[in-house]
Amino acid sequence: YALAVHGKMNLHVTNLYGTNAHHIVESVFKGLGHALRQAVAIEGNAD
């Protein structure tokens, strides 16, 4: 929540399934990393 507010982002995080808490949280942070990589990449009109 604090990251979304101060990063000024609309952030949706949904765990679709899983039983091991370590695995679930790890999938959240790996997924967040890849989603951020896509979002911050410069591929459009730089102007």
ModelCIF file with pLDDT and N, C-alpha, C, O atoms, coordinates in Angstrom:
data_MODEL
#
_entry.id   MODEL 
#
_entity.id                         1 
_entity.type                       polymer 
_entity.pdbx_number_of_molecules   1 
#
_entity_poly.entity_id                      1 
_entity_poly.type                           'polypeptide(L)' 
_entity_poly.nstd_linkage                   no 
_entity_poly.nstd_monomer                   no 
_entity_poly.pdbx_seq_one_letter_code       YALAVHGKMNLHVTNLYGTNAHHIVESVFKGLGHALRQAVAIEGNAD 
_entity_poly.pdbx_seq_one_letter_code_can   YALAVHGKMNLHVTNLYGTNAHHIVESVFKGLGHALRQAVAIEGNAD 
_entity_poly.pdbx_strand_id                 A 
#
loop_
_entity_poly_seq.entity_id 
_entity_poly_seq.num 
_entity_poly_seq.mon_id 
_entity_poly_seq.hetero 
1 1  TYR n 
1 2  ALA n 
1 3  LEU n 
1 4  ALA n 
1 5  VAL n 
1 6  HIS n 
1 7  GLY n 
1 8  LYS n 
1 9  MET n 
1 10 ASN n 
1 11 LEU n 
1 12 HIS n 
1 13 VAL n 
1 14 THR n 
1 15 ASN n 
1 16 LEU n 
1 17 TYR n 
1 18 GLY n 
1 19 THR n 
1 20 ASN n 
1 21 ALA n 
1 22 HIS n 
1 23 HIS n 
1 24 ILE n 
1 25 VAL n 
1 26 GLU n 
1 27 SER n 
1 28 VAL n 
1 29 PHE n 
1 30 LYS n 
1 31 GLY n 
1 32 LEU n 
1 33 GLY n 
1 34 HIS n 
1 35 ALA n 
1 36 LEU n 
1 37 ARG n 
1 38 GLN n 
1 39 ALA n 
1 40 VAL n 
1 41 ALA n 
1 42 ILE n 
1 43 GLU n 
1 44 GLY n 
1 45 ASN n 
1 46 ALA n 
1 47 ASP n 
#
_struct_asym.id          A 
_struct_asym.entity_id   1 
#
loop_
_ma_qa_metric.id 
_ma_qa_metric.mode 
_ma_qa_metric.name 
_ma_qa_metric.software_group_id 
_ma_qa_metric.type 
1 global pLDDT . pLDDT 
2 local  pLDDT . pLDDT 
#
_ma_qa_metric_global.metric_id      1 
_ma_qa_metric_global.metric_value   96.26 
_ma_qa_metric_global.model_id       1 
_ma_qa_metric_global.ordinal_id     1 
#
loop_
_ma_qa_metric_local.label_asym_id 
_ma_qa_metric_local.label_comp_id 
_ma_qa_metric_local.label_seq_id 
_ma_qa_metric_local.metric_id 
_ma_qa_metric_local.metric_value 
_ma_qa_metric_local.model_id 
_ma_qa_metric_local.ordinal_id 
A TYR 1  2 98.00 1 1  
A ALA 2  2 98.00 1 2  
A LEU 3  2 98.00 1 3  
A ALA 4  2 98.00 1 4  
A VAL 5  2 98.00 1 5  
A HIS 6  2 98.00 1 6  
A GLY 7  2 98.00 1 7  
A LYS 8  2 98.00 1 8  
A MET 9  2 98.00 1 9  
A ASN 10 2 98.00 1 10 
A LEU 11 2 98.00 1 11 
A HIS 12 2 99.00 1 12 
A VAL 13 2 99.00 1 13 
A THR 14 2 98.00 1 14 
A ASN 15 2 98.00 1 15 
A LEU 16 2 98.00 1 16 
A TYR 17 2 98.00 1 17 
A GLY 18 2 98.00 1 18 
A THR 19 2 98.00 1 19 
A ASN 20 2 98.00 1 20 
A ALA 21 2 98.00 1 21 
A HIS 22 2 98.00 1 22 
A HIS 23 2 98.00 1 23 
A ILE 24 2 98.00 1 24 
A VAL 25 2 98.00 1 25 
A GLU 26 2 98.00 1 26 
A SER 27 2 98.00 1 27 
A VAL 28 2 99.00 1 28 
A PHE 29 2 99.00 1 29 
A LYS 30 2 98.00 1 30 
A GLY 31 2 98.00 1 31 
A LEU 32 2 99.00 1 32 
A GLY 33 2 98.00 1 33 
A HIS 34 2 98.00 1 34 
A ALA 35 2 98.00 1 35 
A LEU 36 2 98.00 1 36 
A ARG 37 2 98.00 1 37 
A GLN 38 2 98.00 1 38 
A ALA 39 2 98.00 1 39 
A VAL 40 2 98.00 1 40 
A ALA 41 2 97.00 1 41 
A ILE 42 2 94.00 1 42 
A GLU 43 2 88.00 1 43 
A GLY 44 2 73.00 1 44 
A ASN 45 2 80.00 1 45 
A ALA 46 2 82.00 1 46 
A ASP 47 2 85.00 1 47 
#
loop_
_atom_site.group_PDB 
_atom_site.id 
_atom_site.type_symbol 
_atom_site.label_atom_id 
_atom_site.label_alt_id 
_atom_site.label_comp_id 
_atom_site.label_asym_id 
_atom_site.label_entity_id 
_atom_site.label_seq_id 
_atom_site.pdbx_PDB_ins_code 
_atom_site.Cartn_x 
_atom_site.Cartn_y 
_atom_site.Cartn_z 
_atom_site.occupancy 
_atom_site.B_iso_or_equiv 
_atom_site.pdbx_formal_charge 
_atom_site.auth_seq_id 
_atom_site.auth_comp_id 
_atom_site.auth_asym_id 
_atom_site.auth_atom_id 
_atom_site.pdbx_PDB_model_num 
ATOM 1   N N  . TYR A 1 1  ? 0.835  -1.210  0.000   1.00 98.00 ? 1  TYR A N  1 
ATOM 2   C CA . TYR A 1 1  ? 0.000  0.000   0.000   1.00 98.00 ? 1  TYR A CA 1 
ATOM 3   C C  . TYR A 1 1  ? 0.866  1.255   0.000   1.00 98.00 ? 1  TYR A C  1 
ATOM 4   O O  . TYR A 1 1  ? 0.645  2.164   -0.800  1.00 98.00 ? 1  TYR A O  1 
ATOM 5   N N  . ALA A 1 2  ? 1.855  1.307   0.899   1.00 98.00 ? 2  ALA A N  1 
ATOM 6   C CA . ALA A 1 2  ? 2.731  2.478   0.962   1.00 98.00 ? 2  ALA A CA 1 
ATOM 7   C C  . ALA A 1 2  ? 3.546  2.623   -0.314  1.00 98.00 ? 2  ALA A C  1 
ATOM 8   O O  . ALA A 1 2  ? 3.792  3.739   -0.771  1.00 98.00 ? 2  ALA A O  1 
ATOM 9   N N  . LEU A 1 3  ? 3.965  1.503   -0.892  1.00 98.00 ? 3  LEU A N  1 
ATOM 10  C CA . LEU A 1 3  ? 4.706  1.549   -2.154  1.00 98.00 ? 3  LEU A CA 1 
ATOM 11  C C  . LEU A 1 3  ? 3.830  2.100   -3.272  1.00 98.00 ? 3  LEU A C  1 
ATOM 12  O O  . LEU A 1 3  ? 4.286  2.915   -4.074  1.00 98.00 ? 3  LEU A O  1 
ATOM 13  N N  . ALA A 1 4  ? 2.577  1.661   -3.330  1.00 98.00 ? 4  ALA A N  1 
ATOM 14  C CA . ALA A 1 4  ? 1.661  2.144   -4.368  1.00 98.00 ? 4  ALA A CA 1 
ATOM 15  C C  . ALA A 1 4  ? 1.398  3.640   -4.224  1.00 98.00 ? 4  ALA A C  1 
ATOM 16  O O  . ALA A 1 4  ? 1.390  4.373   -5.213  1.00 98.00 ? 4  ALA A O  1 
ATOM 17  N N  . VAL A 1 5  ? 1.182  4.087   -2.988  1.00 98.00 ? 5  VAL A N  1 
ATOM 18  C CA . VAL A 1 5  ? 0.885  5.502   -2.758  1.00 98.00 ? 5  VAL A CA 1 
ATOM 19  C C  . VAL A 1 5  ? 2.077  6.375   -3.123  1.00 98.00 ? 5  VAL A C  1 
ATOM 20  O O  . VAL A 1 5  ? 1.923  7.360   -3.846  1.00 98.00 ? 5  VAL A O  1 
ATOM 21  N N  . HIS A 1 6  ? 3.261  6.029   -2.632  1.00 98.00 ? 6  HIS A N  1 
ATOM 22  C CA . HIS A 1 6  ? 4.419  6.884   -2.858  1.00 98.00 ? 6  HIS A CA 1 
ATOM 23  C C  . HIS A 1 6  ? 5.069  6.646   -4.215  1.00 98.00 ? 6  HIS A C  1 
ATOM 24  O O  . HIS A 1 6  ? 5.791  7.506   -4.719  1.00 98.00 ? 6  HIS A O  1 
ATOM 25  N N  . GLY A 1 7  ? 4.814  5.471   -4.815  1.00 98.00 ? 7  GLY A N  1 
ATOM 26  C CA . GLY A 1 7  ? 5.255  5.234   -6.180  1.00 98.00 ? 7  GLY A CA 1 
ATOM 27  C C  . GLY A 1 7  ? 4.239  5.727   -7.192  1.00 98.00 ? 7  GLY A C  1 
ATOM 28  O O  . GLY A 1 7  ? 4.462  5.625   -8.399  1.00 98.00 ? 7  GLY A O  1 
ATOM 29  N N  . LYS A 1 8  ? 3.116  6.264   -6.708  1.00 98.00 ? 8  LYS A N  1 
ATOM 30  C CA . LYS A 1 8  ? 2.057  6.846   -7.535  1.00 98.00 ? 8  LYS A CA 1 
ATOM 31  C C  . LYS A 1 8  ? 1.611  5.875   -8.621  1.00 98.00 ? 8  LYS A C  1 
ATOM 32  O O  . LYS A 1 8  ? 1.518  6.218   -9.800  1.00 98.00 ? 8  LYS A O  1 
ATOM 33  N N  . MET A 1 9  ? 1.338  4.643   -8.176  1.00 98.00 ? 9  MET A N  1 
ATOM 34  C CA . MET A 1 9  ? 0.947  3.603   -9.132  1.00 98.00 ? 9  MET A CA 1 
ATOM 35  C C  . MET A 1 9  ? -0.384 2.977   -8.746  1.00 98.00 ? 9  MET A C  1 
ATOM 36  O O  . MET A 1 9  ? -0.767 2.952   -7.576  1.00 98.00 ? 9  MET A O  1 
ATOM 37  N N  . ASN A 1 10 ? -1.066 2.484   -9.740  1.00 98.00 ? 10 ASN A N  1 
ATOM 38  C CA . ASN A 1 10 ? -2.235 1.634   -9.563  1.00 98.00 ? 10 ASN A CA 1 
ATOM 39  C C  . ASN A 1 10 ? -1.701 0.209   -9.540  1.00 98.00 ? 10 ASN A C  1 
ATOM 40  O O  . ASN A 1 10 ? -1.175 -0.268  -10.546 1.00 98.00 ? 10 ASN A O  1 
ATOM 41  N N  . LEU A 1 11 ? -1.829 -0.482  -8.398  1.00 98.00 ? 11 LEU A N  1 
ATOM 42  C CA . LEU A 1 11 ? -1.189 -1.776  -8.202  1.00 98.00 ? 11 LEU A CA 1 
ATOM 43  C C  . LEU A 1 11 ? -2.226 -2.821  -7.802  1.00 98.00 ? 11 LEU A C  1 
ATOM 44  O O  . LEU A 1 11 ? -2.913 -2.676  -6.791  1.00 98.00 ? 11 LEU A O  1 
ATOM 45  N N  . HIS A 1 12 ? -2.328 -3.872  -8.606  1.00 99.00 ? 12 HIS A N  1 
ATOM 46  C CA . HIS A 1 12 ? -3.237 -4.976  -8.335  1.00 99.00 ? 12 HIS A CA 1 
ATOM 47  C C  . HIS A 1 12 ? -2.414 -6.245  -8.107  1.00 99.00 ? 12 HIS A C  1 
ATOM 48  O O  . HIS A 1 12 ? -1.662 -6.671  -8.984  1.00 99.00 ? 12 HIS A O  1 
ATOM 49  N N  . VAL A 1 13 ? -2.562 -6.837  -6.933  1.00 99.00 ? 13 VAL A N  1 
ATOM 50  C CA . VAL A 1 13 ? -1.815 -8.049  -6.585  1.00 99.00 ? 13 VAL A CA 1 
ATOM 51  C C  . VAL A 1 13 ? -2.814 -9.123  -6.179  1.00 99.00 ? 13 VAL A C  1 
ATOM 52  O O  . VAL A 1 13 ? -3.541 -8.965  -5.197  1.00 99.00 ? 13 VAL A O  1 
ATOM 53  N N  . THR A 1 14 ? -2.847 -10.212 -6.935  1.00 98.00 ? 14 THR A N  1 
ATOM 54  C CA . THR A 1 14 ? -3.797 -11.284 -6.686  1.00 98.00 ? 14 THR A CA 1 
ATOM 55  C C  . THR A 1 14 ? -3.069 -12.625 -6.658  1.00 98.00 ? 14 THR A C  1 
ATOM 56  O O  . THR A 1 14 ? -2.467 -13.039 -7.649  1.00 98.00 ? 14 THR A O  1 
ATOM 57  N N  . ASN A 1 15 ? -3.134 -13.292 -5.520  1.00 98.00 ? 15 ASN A N  1 
ATOM 58  C CA . ASN A 1 15 ? -2.640 -14.664 -5.461  1.00 98.00 ? 15 ASN A CA 1 
ATOM 59  C C  . ASN A 1 15 ? -3.771 -15.581 -5.907  1.00 98.00 ? 15 ASN A C  1 
ATOM 60  O O  . ASN A 1 15 ? -4.805 -15.679 -5.245  1.00 98.00 ? 15 ASN A O  1 
ATOM 61  N N  . LEU A 1 16 ? -3.563 -16.249 -7.031  1.00 98.00 ? 16 LEU A N  1 
ATOM 62  C CA . LEU A 1 16 ? -4.618 -17.079 -7.598  1.00 98.00 ? 16 LEU A CA 1 
ATOM 63  C C  . LEU A 1 16 ? -4.762 -18.402 -6.858  1.00 98.00 ? 16 LEU A C  1 
ATOM 64  O O  . LEU A 1 16 ? -5.871 -18.908 -6.683  1.00 98.00 ? 16 LEU A O  1 
ATOM 65  N N  . TYR A 1 17 ? -3.641 -18.956 -6.427  1.00 98.00 ? 17 TYR A N  1 
ATOM 66  C CA . TYR A 1 17 ? -3.671 -20.138 -5.575  1.00 98.00 ? 17 TYR A CA 1 
ATOM 67  C C  . TYR A 1 17 ? -2.277 -20.405 -5.028  1.00 98.00 ? 17 TYR A C  1 
ATOM 68  O O  . TYR A 1 17 ? -1.280 -19.859 -5.501  1.00 98.00 ? 17 TYR A O  1 
ATOM 69  N N  . GLY A 1 18 ? -2.241 -21.269 -4.010  1.00 98.00 ? 18 GLY A N  1 
ATOM 70  C CA . GLY A 1 18 ? -0.983 -21.610 -3.360  1.00 98.00 ? 18 GLY A CA 1 
ATOM 71  C C  . GLY A 1 18 ? -1.242 -21.984 -1.911  1.00 98.00 ? 18 GLY A C  1 
ATOM 72  O O  . GLY A 1 18 ? -2.241 -21.562 -1.327  1.00 98.00 ? 18 GLY A O  1 
ATOM 73  N N  . THR A 1 19 ? -0.353 -22.769 -1.333  1.00 98.00 ? 19 THR A N  1 
ATOM 74  C CA . THR A 1 19 ? -0.521 -23.202 0.051   1.00 98.00 ? 19 THR A CA 1 
ATOM 75  C C  . THR A 1 19 ? 0.651  -22.801 0.939   1.00 98.00 ? 19 THR A C  1 
ATOM 76  O O  . THR A 1 19 ? 0.465  -22.574 2.134   1.00 98.00 ? 19 THR A O  1 
ATOM 77  N N  . ASN A 1 20 ? 1.848  -22.711 0.379   1.00 98.00 ? 20 ASN A N  1 
ATOM 78  C CA . ASN A 1 20 ? 3.033  -22.397 1.166   1.00 98.00 ? 20 ASN A CA 1 
ATOM 79  C C  . ASN A 1 20 ? 3.232  -20.886 1.193   1.00 98.00 ? 20 ASN A C  1 
ATOM 80  O O  . ASN A 1 20 ? 3.401  -20.263 0.145   1.00 98.00 ? 20 ASN A O  1 
ATOM 81  N N  . ALA A 1 21 ? 3.213  -20.292 2.391   1.00 98.00 ? 21 ALA A N  1 
ATOM 82  C CA . ALA A 1 21 ? 3.280  -18.836 2.509   1.00 98.00 ? 21 ALA A CA 1 
ATOM 83  C C  . ALA A 1 21 ? 4.569  -18.274 1.920   1.00 98.00 ? 21 ALA A C  1 
ATOM 84  O O  . ALA A 1 21 ? 4.544  -17.225 1.276   1.00 98.00 ? 21 ALA A O  1 
ATOM 85  N N  . HIS A 1 22 ? 5.685  -18.947 2.126   1.00 98.00 ? 22 HIS A N  1 
ATOM 86  C CA . HIS A 1 22 ? 6.955  -18.490 1.562   1.00 98.00 ? 22 HIS A CA 1 
ATOM 87  C C  . HIS A 1 22 ? 6.847  -18.419 0.044   1.00 98.00 ? 22 HIS A C  1 
ATOM 88  O O  . HIS A 1 22 ? 7.264  -17.433 -0.564  1.00 98.00 ? 22 HIS A O  1 
ATOM 89  N N  . HIS A 1 23 ? 6.299  -19.442 -0.559  1.00 98.00 ? 23 HIS A N  1 
ATOM 90  C CA . HIS A 1 23 ? 6.156  -19.466 -2.014  1.00 98.00 ? 23 HIS A CA 1 
ATOM 91  C C  . HIS A 1 23 ? 5.229  -18.357 -2.511  1.00 98.00 ? 23 HIS A C  1 
ATOM 92  O O  . HIS A 1 23 ? 5.496  -17.722 -3.531  1.00 98.00 ? 23 HIS A O  1 
ATOM 93  N N  . ILE A 1 24 ? 4.138  -18.135 -1.777  1.00 98.00 ? 24 ILE A N  1 
ATOM 94  C CA . ILE A 1 24 ? 3.186  -17.104 -2.196  1.00 98.00 ? 24 ILE A CA 1 
ATOM 95  C C  . ILE A 1 24 ? 3.832  -15.720 -2.173  1.00 98.00 ? 24 ILE A C  1 
ATOM 96  O O  . ILE A 1 24 ? 3.734  -14.971 -3.145  1.00 98.00 ? 24 ILE A O  1 
ATOM 97  N N  . VAL A 1 25 ? 4.491  -15.383 -1.068  1.00 98.00 ? 25 VAL A N  1 
ATOM 98  C CA . VAL A 1 25 ? 5.116  -14.059 -0.968  1.00 98.00 ? 25 VAL A CA 1 
ATOM 99  C C  . VAL A 1 25 ? 6.240  -13.923 -1.999  1.00 98.00 ? 25 VAL A C  1 
ATOM 100 O O  . VAL A 1 25 ? 6.427  -12.853 -2.579  1.00 98.00 ? 25 VAL A O  1 
ATOM 101 N N  . GLU A 1 26 ? 6.977  -14.997 -2.222  1.00 98.00 ? 26 GLU A N  1 
ATOM 102 C CA . GLU A 1 26 ? 8.040  -14.943 -3.228  1.00 98.00 ? 26 GLU A CA 1 
ATOM 103 C C  . GLU A 1 26 ? 7.463  -14.696 -4.617  1.00 98.00 ? 26 GLU A C  1 
ATOM 104 O O  . GLU A 1 26 ? 8.039  -13.947 -5.406  1.00 98.00 ? 26 GLU A O  1 
ATOM 105 N N  . SER A 1 27 ? 6.342  -15.316 -4.914  1.00 98.00 ? 27 SER A N  1 
ATOM 106 C CA . SER A 1 27 ? 5.727  -15.081 -6.228  1.00 98.00 ? 27 SER A CA 1 
ATOM 107 C C  . SER A 1 27 ? 5.225  -13.648 -6.350  1.00 98.00 ? 27 SER A C  1 
ATOM 108 O O  . SER A 1 27 ? 5.207  -13.094 -7.450  1.00 98.00 ? 27 SER A O  1 
ATOM 109 N N  . VAL A 1 28 ? 4.816  -13.039 -5.237  1.00 99.00 ? 28 VAL A N  1 
ATOM 110 C CA . VAL A 1 28 ? 4.394  -11.634 -5.251  1.00 99.00 ? 28 VAL A CA 1 
ATOM 111 C C  . VAL A 1 28 ? 5.576  -10.737 -5.629  1.00 99.00 ? 28 VAL A C  1 
ATOM 112 O O  . VAL A 1 28 ? 5.442  -9.876  -6.498  1.00 99.00 ? 28 VAL A O  1 
ATOM 113 N N  . PHE A 1 29 ? 6.721  -10.929 -4.991  1.00 99.00 ? 29 PHE A N  1 
ATOM 114 C CA . PHE A 1 29 ? 7.851  -10.032 -5.232  1.00 99.00 ? 29 PHE A CA 1 
ATOM 115 C C  . PHE A 1 29 ? 8.509  -10.270 -6.587  1.00 99.00 ? 29 PHE A C  1 
ATOM 116 O O  . PHE A 1 29 ? 8.956  -9.321  -7.230  1.00 99.00 ? 29 PHE A O  1 
ATOM 117 N N  . LYS A 1 30 ? 8.572  -11.509 -7.023  1.00 98.00 ? 30 LYS A N  1 
ATOM 118 C CA . LYS A 1 30 ? 9.091  -11.762 -8.365  1.00 98.00 ? 30 LYS A CA 1 
ATOM 119 C C  . LYS A 1 30 ? 8.156  -11.165 -9.416  1.00 98.00 ? 30 LYS A C  1 
ATOM 120 O O  . LYS A 1 30 ? 8.605  -10.547 -10.382 1.00 98.00 ? 30 LYS A O  1 
ATOM 121 N N  . GLY A 1 31 ? 6.840  -11.361 -9.213  1.00 98.00 ? 31 GLY A N  1 
ATOM 122 C CA . GLY A 1 31 ? 5.878  -10.787 -10.149 1.00 98.00 ? 31 GLY A CA 1 
ATOM 123 C C  . GLY A 1 31 ? 5.915  -9.276  -10.155 1.00 98.00 ? 31 GLY A C  1 
ATOM 124 O O  . GLY A 1 31 ? 5.809  -8.655  -11.212 1.00 98.00 ? 31 GLY A O  1 
ATOM 125 N N  . LEU A 1 32 ? 6.068  -8.668  -8.970  1.00 99.00 ? 32 LEU A N  1 
ATOM 126 C CA . LEU A 1 32 ? 6.188  -7.213  -8.883  1.00 99.00 ? 32 LEU A CA 1 
ATOM 127 C C  . LEU A 1 32 ? 7.410  -6.726  -9.639  1.00 99.00 ? 32 LEU A C  1 
ATOM 128 O O  . LEU A 1 32 ? 7.354  -5.715  -10.338 1.00 99.00 ? 32 LEU A O  1 
ATOM 129 N N  . GLY A 1 33 ? 8.519  -7.451  -9.497  1.00 98.00 ? 33 GLY A N  1 
ATOM 130 C CA . GLY A 1 33 ? 9.731  -7.067  -10.211 1.00 98.00 ? 33 GLY A CA 1 
ATOM 131 C C  . GLY A 1 33 ? 9.541  -7.072  -11.712 1.00 98.00 ? 33 GLY A C  1 
ATOM 132 O O  . GLY A 1 33 ? 9.924  -6.119  -12.390 1.00 98.00 ? 33 GLY A O  1 
ATOM 133 N N  . HIS A 1 34 ? 8.950  -8.140  -12.244 1.00 98.00 ? 34 HIS A N  1 
ATOM 134 C CA . HIS A 1 34 ? 8.763  -8.238  -13.699 1.00 98.00 ? 34 HIS A CA 1 
ATOM 135 C C  . HIS A 1 34 ? 7.755  -7.211  -14.204 1.00 98.00 ? 34 HIS A C  1 
ATOM 136 O O  . HIS A 1 34 ? 7.942  -6.636  -15.276 1.00 98.00 ? 34 HIS A O  1 
ATOM 137 N N  . ALA A 1 35 ? 6.682  -6.976  -13.438 1.00 98.00 ? 35 ALA A N  1 
ATOM 138 C CA . ALA A 1 35 ? 5.697  -5.971  -13.853 1.00 98.00 ? 35 ALA A CA 1 
ATOM 139 C C  . ALA A 1 35 ? 6.317  -4.577  -13.864 1.00 98.00 ? 35 ALA A C  1 
ATOM 140 O O  . ALA A 1 35 ? 6.052  -3.784  -14.768 1.00 98.00 ? 35 ALA A O  1 
ATOM 141 N N  . LEU A 1 36 ? 7.144  -4.277  -12.859 1.00 98.00 ? 36 LEU A N  1 
ATOM 142 C CA . LEU A 1 36 ? 7.836  -2.985  -12.844 1.00 98.00 ? 36 LEU A CA 1 
ATOM 143 C C  . LEU A 1 36 ? 8.806  -2.864  -14.009 1.00 98.00 ? 36 LEU A C  1 
ATOM 144 O O  . LEU A 1 36 ? 8.900  -1.807  -14.633 1.00 98.00 ? 36 LEU A O  1 
ATOM 145 N N  . ARG A 1 37 ? 9.532  -3.945  -14.307 1.00 98.00 ? 37 ARG A N  1 
ATOM 146 C CA . ARG A 1 37 ? 10.475 -3.922  -15.433 1.00 98.00 ? 37 ARG A CA 1 
ATOM 147 C C  . ARG A 1 37 ? 9.760  -3.505  -16.720 1.00 98.00 ? 37 ARG A C  1 
ATOM 148 O O  . ARG A 1 37 ? 10.265 -2.683  -17.486 1.00 98.00 ? 37 ARG A O  1 
ATOM 149 N N  . GLN A 1 38 ? 8.580  -4.083  -16.946 1.00 98.00 ? 38 GLN A N  1 
ATOM 150 C CA . GLN A 1 38 ? 7.804  -3.740  -18.138 1.00 98.00 ? 38 GLN A CA 1 
ATOM 151 C C  . GLN A 1 38 ? 7.331  -2.291  -18.102 1.00 98.00 ? 38 GLN A C  1 
ATOM 152 O O  . GLN A 1 38 ? 7.443  -1.569  -19.092 1.00 98.00 ? 38 GLN A O  1 
ATOM 153 N N  . ALA A 1 39 ? 6.799  -1.870  -16.951 1.00 98.00 ? 39 ALA A N  1 
ATOM 154 C CA . ALA A 1 39 ? 6.166  -0.556  -16.852 1.00 98.00 ? 39 ALA A CA 1 
ATOM 155 C C  . ALA A 1 39 ? 7.161  0.588   -16.999 1.00 98.00 ? 39 ALA A C  1 
ATOM 156 O O  . ALA A 1 39 ? 6.829  1.611   -17.597 1.00 98.00 ? 39 ALA A O  1 
ATOM 157 N N  . VAL A 1 40 ? 8.373  0.442   -16.469 1.00 98.00 ? 40 VAL A N  1 
ATOM 158 C CA . VAL A 1 40 ? 9.334  1.553   -16.511 1.00 98.00 ? 40 VAL A CA 1 
ATOM 159 C C  . VAL A 1 40 ? 10.151 1.566   -17.790 1.00 98.00 ? 40 VAL A C  1 
ATOM 160 O O  . VAL A 1 40 ? 10.851 2.542   -18.062 1.00 98.00 ? 40 VAL A O  1 
ATOM 161 N N  . ALA A 1 41 ? 10.077 0.490   -18.591 1.00 97.00 ? 41 ALA A N  1 
ATOM 162 C CA . ALA A 1 41 ? 10.883 0.416   -19.815 1.00 97.00 ? 41 ALA A CA 1 
ATOM 163 C C  . ALA A 1 41 ? 10.500 1.528   -20.783 1.00 97.00 ? 41 ALA A C  1 
ATOM 164 O O  . ALA A 1 41 ? 9.322  1.848   -20.949 1.00 97.00 ? 41 ALA A O  1 
ATOM 165 N N  . ILE A 1 42 ? 11.503 2.105   -21.413 1.00 94.00 ? 42 ILE A N  1 
ATOM 166 C CA . ILE A 1 42 ? 11.274 3.168   -22.403 1.00 94.00 ? 42 ILE A CA 1 
ATOM 167 C C  . ILE A 1 42 ? 11.195 2.530   -23.781 1.00 94.00 ? 42 ILE A C  1 
ATOM 168 O O  . ILE A 1 42 ? 12.209 2.127   -24.350 1.00 94.00 ? 42 ILE A O  1 
ATOM 169 N N  . GLU A 1 43 ? 9.992  2.445   -24.306 1.00 88.00 ? 43 GLU A N  1 
ATOM 170 C CA . GLU A 1 43 ? 9.794  1.850   -25.622 1.00 88.00 ? 43 GLU A CA 1 
ATOM 171 C C  . GLU A 1 43 ? 8.874  2.692   -26.496 1.00 88.00 ? 43 GLU A C  1 
ATOM 172 O O  . GLU A 1 43 ? 8.679  2.391   -27.673 1.00 88.00 ? 43 GLU A O  1 
ATOM 173 N N  . GLY A 1 44 ? 8.313  3.744   -25.919 1.00 73.00 ? 44 GLY A N  1 
ATOM 174 C CA . GLY A 1 44 ? 7.402  4.589   -26.670 1.00 73.00 ? 44 GLY A CA 1 
ATOM 175 C C  . GLY A 1 44 ? 8.088  5.854   -27.174 1.00 73.00 ? 44 GLY A C  1 
ATOM 176 O O  . GLY A 1 44 ? 9.312  5.911   -27.288 1.00 73.00 ? 44 GLY A O  1 
ATOM 177 N N  . ASN A 1 45 ? 7.291  6.848   -27.468 1.00 80.00 ? 45 ASN A N  1 
ATOM 178 C CA . ASN A 1 45 ? 7.797  8.140   -27.921 1.00 80.00 ? 45 ASN A CA 1 
ATOM 179 C C  . ASN A 1 45 ? 8.469  8.840   -26.749 1.00 80.00 ? 45 ASN A C  1 
ATOM 180 O O  . ASN A 1 45 ? 7.806  9.198   -25.775 1.00 80.00 ? 45 ASN A O  1 
ATOM 181 N N  . ALA A 1 46 ? 9.780  9.038   -26.837 1.00 82.00 ? 46 ALA A N  1 
ATOM 182 C CA . ALA A 1 46 ? 10.546 9.611   -25.731 1.00 82.00 ? 46 ALA A CA 1 
ATOM 183 C C  . ALA A 1 46 ? 10.199 11.071  -25.475 1.00 82.00 ? 46 ALA A C  1 
ATOM 184 O O  . ALA A 1 46 ? 10.675 11.651  -24.499 1.00 82.00 ? 46 ALA A O  1 
ATOM 185 N N  . ASP A 1 47 ? 9.378  11.679  -26.333 1.00 85.00 ? 47 ASP A N  1 
ATOM 186 C CA . ASP A 1 47 ? 8.997  13.081  -26.165 1.00 85.00 ? 47 ASP A CA 1 
ATOM 187 C C  . ASP A 1 47 ? 7.593  13.246  -25.597 1.00 85.00 ? 47 ASP A C  1 
ATOM 188 O O  . ASP A 1 47 ? 7.134  14.371  -25.400 1.00 85.00 ? 47 ASP A O  1 
#
